[in-house]
Amino acid sequence: MYAENYAQVIQYVWGYVGARSYLLQGDLQTVPQNIPRLRLDGPGIYSLWLKSSFHENKYVPTYVGFTSRPIQTRLGEHVRFGKIGELYSGLPDGAATTGGFGVLALELPTPMALAMESVFLETFDFAQNTADNLLSRALRPWTVDADYSAGGLVLRKAWNSLSDREFALN
């Protein structure tokens, strides 16, 4: 299941477990300056979200990861040579951010964060999560097929709430 087609389910799960949402705005040079403001000083799990024109200009998850170091340290690494840099340069379909991206994060002990990441990765195919050094894949457009297996109309209503106001720098 493509993660971007189940954004509302994934966002609900993150909210249910107590994750906080953040919107990091600016260009690739200013984003690193904003990461310390997140105050994510512990280990845990995090997810990157991109606003997608394929998905009614809503935020969709593109990557999930865990770290045993402070989450903000790992996000900083992603800016310099990782997945956040890729969000600015563009995914294979050309989807890219010009002014920022969303982050959902939850500080957890490393074993719990690893277990939670494993569940997400076994359930969903995130465009930027790759194995064996393969490249990120293109985002898949929303399809009618994507919403009935996960709850249909109720989830479609939740989908409509995934807008800029869901990602506010706390």
C-alpha atoms as a PDB file:
ATOM      1  CA  MET A   1       0.000   0.000   0.000  1.00  0.00           C
ATOM      2  CA  TYR A   2       1.448   3.332  -1.029  1.00  0.00           C
ATOM      3  CA  ALA A   3       1.801   5.527   2.064  1.00  0.00           C
ATOM      4  CA  GLU A   4       0.711   8.666   0.226  1.00  0.00           C
ATOM      5  CA  ASN A   5      -2.675   7.071  -0.525  1.00  0.00           C
ATOM      6  CA  TYR A   6      -3.203   6.365   3.184  1.00  0.00           C
ATOM      7  CA  ALA A   7      -1.988   9.695   4.555  1.00  0.00           C
ATOM      8  CA  GLN A   8      -5.078  10.164   6.688  1.00  0.00           C
ATOM      9  CA  VAL A   9      -4.712   6.757   8.340  1.00  0.00           C
ATOM     10  CA  ILE A  10      -1.027   7.294   8.995  1.00  0.00           C
ATOM     11  CA  GLN A  11      -1.645  10.785  10.378  1.00  0.00           C
ATOM     12  CA  TYR A  12      -4.389   9.411  12.655  1.00  0.00           C
ATOM     13  CA  VAL A  13      -2.045   6.728  14.037  1.00  0.00           C
ATOM     14  CA  TRP A  14       0.680   9.296  14.692  1.00  0.00           C
ATOM     15  CA  GLY A  15      -1.818  11.503  16.518  1.00  0.00           C
ATOM     16  CA  TYR A  16      -3.204   8.580  18.497  1.00  0.00           C
ATOM     17  CA  VAL A  17       0.236   7.693  19.876  1.00  0.00           C
ATOM     18  CA  GLY A  18       0.932  11.318  20.796  1.00  0.00           C
ATOM     19  CA  ALA A  19       3.216  12.536  18.018  1.00  0.00           C
ATOM     20  CA  ARG A  20       3.602  16.260  17.500  1.00  0.00           C
ATOM     21  CA  SER A  21       3.409  17.945  14.114  1.00  0.00           C
ATOM     22  CA  TYR A  22       5.757  20.625  12.837  1.00  0.00           C
ATOM     23  CA  LEU A  23       5.981  22.697   9.682  1.00  0.00           C
ATOM     24  CA  LEU A  24       9.507  23.613   8.662  1.00  0.00           C
ATOM     25  CA  GLN A  25       9.364  26.485   6.219  1.00  0.00           C
ATOM     26  CA  GLY A  26      12.009  28.143   4.138  1.00  0.00           C
ATOM     27  CA  ASP A  27      14.599  27.109   1.623  1.00  0.00           C
ATOM     28  CA  LEU A  28      17.230  24.433   2.072  1.00  0.00           C
ATOM     29  CA  GLN A  29      19.644  26.949   3.577  1.00  0.00           C
ATOM     30  CA  THR A  30      17.259  28.259   6.270  1.00  0.00           C
ATOM     31  CA  VAL A  31      15.649  24.961   7.325  1.00  0.00           C
ATOM     32  CA  PRO A  32      18.713  23.822   9.347  1.00  0.00           C
ATOM     33  CA  GLN A  33      18.413  26.987  11.437  1.00  0.00           C
ATOM     34  CA  ASN A  34      14.815  26.091  12.330  1.00  0.00           C
ATOM     35  CA  ILE A  35      15.420  22.460  13.339  1.00  0.00           C
ATOM     36  CA  PRO A  36      16.770  23.275  16.852  1.00  0.00           C
ATOM     37  CA  ARG A  37      13.504  25.136  17.558  1.00  0.00           C
ATOM     38  CA  LEU A  38      11.710  21.779  17.414  1.00  0.00           C
ATOM     39  CA  ARG A  39      13.337  20.799  20.717  1.00  0.00           C
ATOM     40  CA  LEU A  40      13.390  17.123  19.813  1.00  0.00           C
ATOM     41  CA  ASP A  41      16.304  16.252  22.073  1.00  0.00           C
ATOM     42  CA  GLY A  42      15.624  12.546  22.551  1.00  0.00           C
ATOM     43  CA  PRO A  43      15.642   9.416  20.441  1.00  0.00           C
ATOM     44  CA  GLY A  44      12.475   8.409  18.654  1.00  0.00           C
ATOM     45  CA  ILE A  45      10.587   8.108  15.413  1.00  0.00           C
ATOM     46  CA  TYR A  46       9.812  10.746  12.809  1.00  0.00           C
ATOM     47  CA  SER A  47       8.112  11.080   9.447  1.00  0.00           C
ATOM     48  CA  LEU A  48       8.607  13.571   6.604  1.00  0.00           C
ATOM     49  CA  TRP A  49       5.563  14.943   4.768  1.00  0.00           C
ATOM     50  CA  LEU A  50       5.413  16.745   1.419  1.00  0.00           C
ATOM     51  CA  LYS A  51       2.540  18.831   0.053  1.00  0.00           C
ATOM     52  CA  SER A  52       1.544  17.019  -3.154  1.00  0.00           C
ATOM     53  CA  SER A  53      -0.347  18.367  -6.156  1.00  0.00           C
ATOM     54  CA  PHE A  54      -1.216  14.727  -6.953  1.00  0.00           C
ATOM     55  CA  HIS A  55      -3.142  14.635  -3.665  1.00  0.00           C
ATOM     56  CA  GLU A  56      -5.254  17.787  -3.751  1.00  0.00           C
ATOM     57  CA  ASN A  57      -2.353  19.852  -2.350  1.00  0.00           C
ATOM     58  CA  LYS A  58      -2.500  17.944   0.935  1.00  0.00           C
ATOM     59  CA  TYR A  59       0.531  16.715   2.855  1.00  0.00           C
ATOM     60  CA  VAL A  60       1.478  13.092   2.242  1.00  0.00           C
ATOM     61  CA  PRO A  61       4.076  10.997   4.074  1.00  0.00           C
ATOM     62  CA  THR A  62       7.216  10.266   2.070  1.00  0.00           C
ATOM     63  CA  TYR A  63       9.590   8.855   4.680  1.00  0.00           C
ATOM     64  CA  VAL A  64       9.583   7.295   8.138  1.00  0.00           C
ATOM     65  CA  GLY A  65      12.644   6.704  10.264  1.00  0.00           C
ATOM     66  CA  PHE A  66      13.871   6.135  13.794  1.00  0.00           C
ATOM     67  CA  THR A  67      17.018   7.269  15.529  1.00  0.00           C
ATOM     68  CA  SER A  68      18.775   6.401  18.766  1.00  0.00           C
ATOM     69  CA  ARG A  69      20.223   9.932  18.813  1.00  0.00           C
ATOM     70  CA  PRO A  70      18.289  13.191  19.199  1.00  0.00           C
ATOM     71  CA  ILE A  71      15.665  13.437  16.457  1.00  0.00           C
ATOM     72  CA  GLN A  72      16.739  16.999  15.639  1.00  0.00           C
ATOM     73  CA  THR A  73      20.307  15.767  15.016  1.00  0.00           C
ATOM     74  CA  ARG A  74      19.017  13.177  12.553  1.00  0.00           C
ATOM     75  CA  LEU A  75      16.811  15.739  10.796  1.00  0.00           C
ATOM     76  CA  GLY A  76      19.857  17.983  10.407  1.00  0.00           C
ATOM     77  CA  GLU A  77      21.712  15.129   8.722  1.00  0.00           C
ATOM     78  CA  HIS A  78      18.779  14.621   6.370  1.00  0.00           C
ATOM     79  CA  VAL A  79      19.048  18.287   5.347  1.00  0.00           C
ATOM     80  CA  ARG A  80      22.751  18.018   4.529  1.00  0.00           C
ATOM     81  CA  PHE A  81      22.835  14.692   2.713  1.00  0.00           C
ATOM     82  CA  GLY A  82      19.563  12.870   3.007  1.00  0.00           C
ATOM     83  CA  LYS A  83      15.856  12.765   2.499  1.00  0.00           C
ATOM     84  CA  ILE A  84      15.096  16.430   3.273  1.00  0.00           C
ATOM     85  CA  GLY A  85      17.608  17.530   0.664  1.00  0.00           C
ATOM     86  CA  GLU A  86      15.839  15.206  -1.756  1.00  0.00           C
ATOM     87  CA  LEU A  87      12.483  16.851  -0.977  1.00  0.00           C
ATOM     88  CA  TYR A  88      13.980  20.123  -2.200  1.00  0.00           C
ATOM     89  CA  SER A  89      15.720  18.685  -5.263  1.00  0.00           C
ATOM     90  CA  GLY A  90      12.715  16.583  -6.239  1.00  0.00           C
ATOM     91  CA  LEU A  91      11.459  13.019  -6.218  1.00  0.00           C
ATOM     92  CA  PRO A  92      11.503  11.011  -9.475  1.00  0.00           C
ATOM     93  CA  ASP A  93       8.103  12.389 -10.516  1.00  0.00           C
ATOM     94  CA  GLY A  94       9.294  15.955 -10.003  1.00  0.00           C
ATOM     95  CA  ALA A  95       7.362  16.376  -6.757  1.00  0.00           C
ATOM     96  CA  ALA A  96       9.366  18.783  -4.624  1.00  0.00           C
ATOM     97  CA  THR A  97       8.887  21.393  -1.972  1.00  0.00           C
ATOM     98  CA  THR A  98       9.626  25.016  -2.581  1.00  0.00           C
ATOM     99  CA  GLY A  99       8.809  26.414   0.817  1.00  0.00           C
ATOM    100  CA  GLY A 100       8.908  23.712   3.445  1.00  0.00           C
ATOM    101  CA  PHE A 101       7.687  20.326   4.577  1.00  0.00           C
ATOM    102  CA  GLY A 102       5.917  18.681   7.480  1.00  0.00           C
ATOM    103  CA  VAL A 103       7.417  16.550  10.224  1.00  0.00           C
ATOM    104  CA  LEU A 104       5.608  14.280  12.646  1.00  0.00           C
ATOM    105  CA  ALA A 105       7.813  13.195  15.533  1.00  0.00           C
ATOM    106  CA  LEU A 106       7.575  11.265  18.762  1.00  0.00           C
ATOM    107  CA  GLU A 107      10.357  10.870  21.294  1.00  0.00           C
ATOM    108  CA  LEU A 108      10.519   7.239  22.403  1.00  0.00           C
ATOM    109  CA  PRO A 109      13.095   4.806  23.732  1.00  0.00           C
ATOM    110  CA  THR A 110      15.017   3.327  20.798  1.00  0.00           C
ATOM    111  CA  PRO A 111      13.514  -0.212  20.969  1.00  0.00           C
ATOM    112  CA  MET A 112       9.975   1.192  20.842  1.00  0.00           C
ATOM    113  CA  ALA A 113      10.869   3.592  18.013  1.00  0.00           C
ATOM    114  CA  LEU A 114      12.443   0.762  16.014  1.00  0.00           C
ATOM    115  CA  ALA A 115       9.372  -1.425  16.534  1.00  0.00           C
ATOM    116  CA  MET A 116       7.027   1.370  15.459  1.00  0.00           C
ATOM    117  CA  GLU A 117       9.126   2.090  12.345  1.00  0.00           C
ATOM    118  CA  SER A 118       9.041  -1.623  11.483  1.00  0.00           C
ATOM    119  CA  VAL A 119       5.253  -1.693  11.671  1.00  0.00           C
ATOM    120  CA  PHE A 120       4.969   1.338   9.380  1.00  0.00           C
ATOM    121  CA  LEU A 121       7.459  -0.089   6.868  1.00  0.00           C
ATOM    122  CA  GLU A 122       5.858  -3.536   6.825  1.00  0.00           C
ATOM    123  CA  THR A 123       2.449  -1.982   6.222  1.00  0.00           C
ATOM    124  CA  PHE A 124       3.156   0.919   3.869  1.00  0.00           C
ATOM    125  CA  ASP A 125       5.464   1.714   0.974  1.00  0.00           C
ATOM    126  CA  PHE A 126       6.928   5.177   1.655  1.00  0.00           C
ATOM    127  CA  ALA A 127       8.309   6.855  -1.482  1.00  0.00           C
ATOM    128  CA  GLN A 128      11.624   7.818   0.127  1.00  0.00           C
ATOM    129  CA  ASN A 129      12.221   4.672   2.199  1.00  0.00           C
ATOM    130  CA  THR A 130      14.468   2.467   0.110  1.00  0.00           C
ATOM    131  CA  ALA A 131      16.269  -0.809   0.578  1.00  0.00           C
ATOM    132  CA  ASP A 132      19.503  -2.003  -0.988  1.00  0.00           C
ATOM    133  CA  ASN A 133      20.420   1.575  -1.959  1.00  0.00           C
ATOM    134  CA  LEU A 134      17.667   1.883  -4.541  1.00  0.00           C
ATOM    135  CA  LEU A 135      16.428   5.334  -5.492  1.00  0.00           C
ATOM    136  CA  SER A 136      13.276   6.906  -4.102  1.00  0.00           C
ATOM    137  CA  ARG A 137      10.186   6.211  -6.150  1.00  0.00           C
ATOM    138  CA  ALA A 138       7.660   8.619  -7.629  1.00  0.00           C
ATOM    139  CA  LEU A 139       4.543   9.516  -5.645  1.00  0.00           C
ATOM    140  CA  ARG A 140       1.421   7.681  -6.780  1.00  0.00           C
ATOM    141  CA  PRO A 141      -1.721   9.745  -7.469  1.00  0.00           C
ATOM    142  CA  TRP A 142      -4.755   9.258  -5.240  1.00  0.00           C
ATOM    143  CA  THR A 143      -7.083   6.629  -6.671  1.00  0.00           C
ATOM    144  CA  VAL A 144     -10.551   5.471  -5.757  1.00  0.00           C
ATOM    145  CA  ASP A 145      -9.080   2.031  -5.043  1.00  0.00           C
ATOM    146  CA  ALA A 146      -6.954   3.492  -2.277  1.00  0.00           C
ATOM    147  CA  ASP A 147      -9.737   4.640  -0.016  1.00  0.00           C
ATOM    148  CA  TYR A 148     -12.167   1.745   0.287  1.00  0.00           C
ATOM    149  CA  SER A 149      -9.807  -0.791   1.848  1.00  0.00           C
ATOM    150  CA  ALA A 150      -9.001   1.629   4.665  1.00  0.00           C
ATOM    151  CA  GLY A 151     -12.411   2.982   5.564  1.00  0.00           C
ATOM    152  CA  GLY A 152     -13.740   4.943   2.602  1.00  0.00           C
ATOM    153  CA  LEU A 153     -15.859   8.001   3.306  1.00  0.00           C
ATOM    154  CA  VAL A 154     -14.741   8.530   6.902  1.00  0.00           C
ATOM    155  CA  LEU A 155     -11.107   8.549   5.830  1.00  0.00           C
ATOM    156  CA  ARG A 156     -11.862  10.754   2.842  1.00  0.00           C
ATOM    157  CA  LYS A 157     -13.299  13.335   5.268  1.00  0.00           C
ATOM    158  CA  ALA A 158     -10.184  13.063   7.436  1.00  0.00           C
ATOM    159  CA  TRP A 159      -8.084  13.499   4.299  1.00  0.00           C
ATOM    160  CA  ASN A 160      -9.637  16.893   3.759  1.00  0.00           C
ATOM    161  CA  SER A 161      -8.186  18.072   7.067  1.00  0.00           C
ATOM    162  CA  LEU A 162      -4.553  17.386   6.084  1.00  0.00           C
ATOM    163  CA  SER A 163      -3.666  20.952   5.275  1.00  0.00           C
ATOM    164  CA  ASP A 164      -1.152  23.570   6.399  1.00  0.00           C
ATOM    165  CA  ARG A 165      -2.919  24.016   9.730  1.00  0.00           C
ATOM    166  CA  GLU A 166      -2.115  20.380  10.630  1.00  0.00           C
ATOM    167  CA  PHE A 167       1.602  21.177  10.547  1.00  0.00           C
ATOM    168  CA  ALA A 168       2.291  24.137  12.819  1.00  0.00           C
ATOM    169  CA  LEU A 169       5.665  24.765  14.392  1.00  0.00           C
ATOM    170  CA  ASN A 170       5.068  24.096  18.080  1.00  0.00           C
END
